[in-house]
Amino acid sequence: MAVIDSPRHSRPNDVHRWSDHPEVKALVDWIWEKCLPPQINEKPGPKP
């Protein structure tokens, strides 16, 4: 991995990006189920 010489030249993370790749969907689903508190999973509707 390359060392970042100046973090001011980096781009911020775009939290509104999405992916249609099944590998990414599987990872997000795993994180959602295993790493978030159970009460978050009980709410109906779309994931926040």
N, C-alpha and C. Protein backbone atom coordinates (compact mmCIF):
# COMPACT_ATOMS: atom_id res chain seq x y z
N MET A 1 0.84 -1.16 0.00
CA MET A 1 0.00 0.00 0.00
C MET A 1 0.89 1.23 0.00
N ALA A 2 0.53 2.22 -0.78
CA ALA A 2 1.32 3.43 -0.88
C ALA A 2 1.13 4.31 0.35
N VAL A 3 2.18 5.01 0.71
CA VAL A 3 2.13 5.93 1.83
C VAL A 3 1.55 7.25 1.32
N ILE A 4 0.64 7.83 2.09
CA ILE A 4 0.06 9.12 1.71
C ILE A 4 1.02 10.21 2.13
N ASP A 5 1.57 10.93 1.15
CA ASP A 5 2.52 12.00 1.45
C ASP A 5 1.81 13.19 2.08
N SER A 6 0.68 13.56 1.53
CA SER A 6 -0.06 14.70 2.06
C SER A 6 -1.54 14.36 2.06
N PRO A 7 -2.15 14.17 3.22
CA PRO A 7 -3.56 13.81 3.26
C PRO A 7 -4.47 14.92 2.71
N ARG A 8 -3.97 16.13 2.55
CA ARG A 8 -4.78 17.23 2.01
C ARG A 8 -5.06 17.01 0.52
N HIS A 9 -4.33 16.11 -0.12
CA HIS A 9 -4.54 15.81 -1.53
C HIS A 9 -5.43 14.58 -1.71
N SER A 10 -6.02 14.09 -0.64
CA SER A 10 -6.89 12.91 -0.70
C SER A 10 -8.33 13.35 -0.92
N ARG A 11 -9.14 12.43 -1.43
CA ARG A 11 -10.56 12.71 -1.61
C ARG A 11 -11.32 12.20 -0.39
N PRO A 12 -12.37 12.90 0.04
CA PRO A 12 -13.19 12.39 1.14
C PRO A 12 -14.00 11.18 0.70
N ASN A 13 -14.38 10.36 1.65
CA ASN A 13 -15.19 9.18 1.36
C ASN A 13 -16.61 9.62 0.99
N ASP A 14 -17.12 9.14 -0.13
CA ASP A 14 -18.48 9.46 -0.56
C ASP A 14 -19.43 8.44 0.05
N VAL A 15 -20.19 8.84 1.06
CA VAL A 15 -21.08 7.92 1.76
C VAL A 15 -22.34 7.61 0.96
N HIS A 16 -22.53 8.26 -0.18
CA HIS A 16 -23.73 8.04 -0.98
C HIS A 16 -23.47 7.11 -2.18
N ARG A 17 -22.32 6.49 -2.22
CA ARG A 17 -22.02 5.55 -3.30
C ARG A 17 -22.66 4.21 -3.01
N TRP A 18 -22.90 3.46 -4.06
CA TRP A 18 -23.45 2.12 -3.89
C TRP A 18 -22.79 1.20 -4.89
N SER A 19 -23.02 -0.07 -4.71
CA SER A 19 -22.45 -1.07 -5.59
C SER A 19 -23.50 -2.15 -5.84
N ASP A 20 -23.53 -2.66 -7.06
CA ASP A 20 -24.42 -3.76 -7.41
C ASP A 20 -23.68 -5.10 -7.41
N HIS A 21 -22.43 -5.10 -6.98
CA HIS A 21 -21.65 -6.34 -6.96
C HIS A 21 -22.14 -7.25 -5.83
N PRO A 22 -22.35 -8.53 -6.11
CA PRO A 22 -22.85 -9.44 -5.07
C PRO A 22 -21.87 -9.59 -3.90
N GLU A 23 -20.57 -9.45 -4.16
CA GLU A 23 -19.60 -9.57 -3.08
C GLU A 23 -19.75 -8.42 -2.09
N VAL A 24 -19.99 -7.23 -2.61
CA VAL A 24 -20.16 -6.07 -1.74
C VAL A 24 -21.46 -6.21 -0.95
N LYS A 25 -22.52 -6.65 -1.62
CA LYS A 25 -23.80 -6.83 -0.94
C LYS A 25 -23.66 -7.86 0.19
N ALA A 26 -22.95 -8.94 -0.06
CA ALA A 26 -22.75 -9.96 0.97
C ALA A 26 -21.98 -9.40 2.16
N LEU A 27 -20.96 -8.60 1.90
CA LEU A 27 -20.18 -7.99 2.97
C LEU A 27 -21.03 -7.03 3.79
N VAL A 28 -21.80 -6.18 3.12
CA VAL A 28 -22.66 -5.23 3.83
C VAL A 28 -23.70 -5.97 4.65
N ASP A 29 -24.30 -7.01 4.11
CA ASP A 29 -25.28 -7.79 4.86
C ASP A 29 -24.64 -8.45 6.09
N TRP A 30 -23.43 -8.96 5.94
CA TRP A 30 -22.73 -9.59 7.06
C TRP A 30 -22.45 -8.56 8.15
N ILE A 31 -21.96 -7.39 7.76
CA ILE A 31 -21.69 -6.32 8.74
C ILE A 31 -22.99 -5.91 9.43
N TRP A 32 -24.05 -5.77 8.65
CA TRP A 32 -25.35 -5.36 9.20
C TRP A 32 -25.83 -6.37 10.24
N GLU A 33 -25.69 -7.66 9.96
CA GLU A 33 -26.19 -8.69 10.86
C GLU A 33 -25.27 -8.95 12.06
N LYS A 34 -23.96 -8.91 11.85
CA LYS A 34 -23.03 -9.31 12.90
C LYS A 34 -22.50 -8.17 13.75
N CYS A 35 -22.40 -6.97 13.20
CA CYS A 35 -21.70 -5.89 13.89
C CYS A 35 -22.61 -4.81 14.47
N LEU A 36 -23.87 -4.78 14.08
CA LEU A 36 -24.77 -3.77 14.60
C LEU A 36 -25.63 -4.37 15.70
N PRO A 37 -26.06 -3.55 16.66
CA PRO A 37 -26.89 -4.06 17.74
C PRO A 37 -28.19 -4.66 17.21
N PRO A 38 -28.73 -5.67 17.88
CA PRO A 38 -29.95 -6.34 17.40
C PRO A 38 -31.15 -5.42 17.27
N GLN A 39 -31.28 -4.40 18.12
CA GLN A 39 -32.45 -3.54 18.04
C GLN A 39 -32.50 -2.77 16.73
N ILE A 40 -31.39 -2.54 16.08
CA ILE A 40 -31.41 -1.88 14.77
C ILE A 40 -32.04 -2.78 13.73
N ASN A 41 -31.78 -4.09 13.82
CA ASN A 41 -32.31 -5.03 12.84
C ASN A 41 -33.81 -5.28 12.99
N GLU A 42 -34.40 -4.87 14.11
CA GLU A 42 -35.82 -5.14 14.35
C GLU A 42 -36.74 -4.11 13.71
N LYS A 43 -36.21 -2.96 13.33
CA LYS A 43 -37.06 -1.92 12.77
C LYS A 43 -37.47 -2.27 11.35
N PRO A 44 -38.75 -2.08 11.01
CA PRO A 44 -39.18 -2.35 9.63
C PRO A 44 -38.74 -1.23 8.69
N GLY A 45 -38.75 -1.51 7.42
CA GLY A 45 -38.42 -0.50 6.44
C GLY A 45 -37.00 -0.62 5.92
N PRO A 46 -36.58 0.33 5.11
CA PRO A 46 -35.25 0.26 4.51
C PRO A 46 -34.16 0.51 5.55
N LYS A 47 -33.00 0.01 5.25
CA LYS A 47 -31.86 0.22 6.14
C LYS A 47 -31.46 1.70 6.08
N PRO A 48 -31.14 2.30 7.23
CA PRO A 48 -30.75 3.71 7.22
C PRO A 48 -29.40 3.92 6.57
